[in-house]
Amino acid sequence: MKDERKSKHLTLEDRIDIEECLAKGINFKDIGRRLGKSATTISREVKRHTYPYANGFSKKEGICDFLRKAPFTCNGCEKKSRSNCPYTRQVYLAKKAQAEYETLLTDARSGIPLNKESFYETEKTISSAVKSGQHIYHAITANNLPVSTATVYRHIKKKYYSISVTDLPRLVKFKPRHSHVSEFVPKWAKQGRTYADYLSYTSENTLMPIVQLDTVIGKIGGKVIMTIHFVQFDFMTGLLLENKSAAEAANKIGLLKSKLKSLGFNFGEVIPIILTDNGGEFSAVSAFENGENGILESHMFFCEPNSPY
């Protein structure tokens, strides 16, 4: 049994095994046990990639009664090459099945085929089914359409289909999900500033005060407080930001530096080491290390998610 491939897609090797097993008359359950798959998966694969094959003995239209039940193919039938079977043969071919699978995989990754006839046929089939009261999942499975339910819902929401969300009574009851894209620090900004770099630097400079930066969020989308924590002195102050953005954080740090300079203090002497998280608002702070307003004398490090900070 090939358990290590149980959760993976069928490969050409798997399909060749299926073709050989069908020729030997092995049932779906035993084929599935051999490949580490379910009998349903094997059955679905065979049904999806069974092709008609006519030879000189095929004289009668219709389908053989034996093809209406498993294994649904003539691969293991003794009459496949005999003249006493007048029906068109149905065979499973591993290489052809693999080629169709690879083509389907390529089409699925190529984006929305708005210029392809297959897309409009799929849209017409699903839209007609939904308008007649059928569920999207049923429309896909009943017509063996090469599209997922999630993709159909996504296309409907983007108005690629002739039907809309209002045609789906169950979907309109759902509240939209709140999605949040976390800001991140660019790789260039983290070079030489990782948490490992921080530990190495502080081990060599044990007397330098460390300042931790963080943000306290109130109302989503509203003002936030940038906290400035002097670890050795157990003292914390804060700067009020109009929003949680890189530009606002950099602007307030710049104003703080200018204020300290007007009072005769050097920013790098007051805050020589900065440790912050991976919040994108602090990536702009690191940009202050260049130019006229740069904090060249400060060493900034970014904390990793699993670090003790």
Foldseek 3Di string as FASTA:
>chain_A
DQQVCQPPDDDLVLLVLLLVCVQVVHALCVSCVVNNYHSVVSQVLLVVAKDWADDPLADDDDDDPVLVDPPNFCNNPPCPPPNVDNHTGIGGDSVVSNVVVVVLVVVVVVDQPPVDPLNVVLLVQQVVCLQVPHDSVCSCVVVVRSDDPVVVLVCQPVVVHPDHPVSPVVSVVDDDDDDDDFAFADPVLAVCFEVVSVVVVCVVVVPAWAWEWDWADDDVQAKIWIWIAGVVVRDIDTDIFRGQALVRLLVVVLVVQVVCVVVPHHPCRVHAEYEYEGGNNCNSNSVLCDDPSRSVRHRYHYYYPPDPD
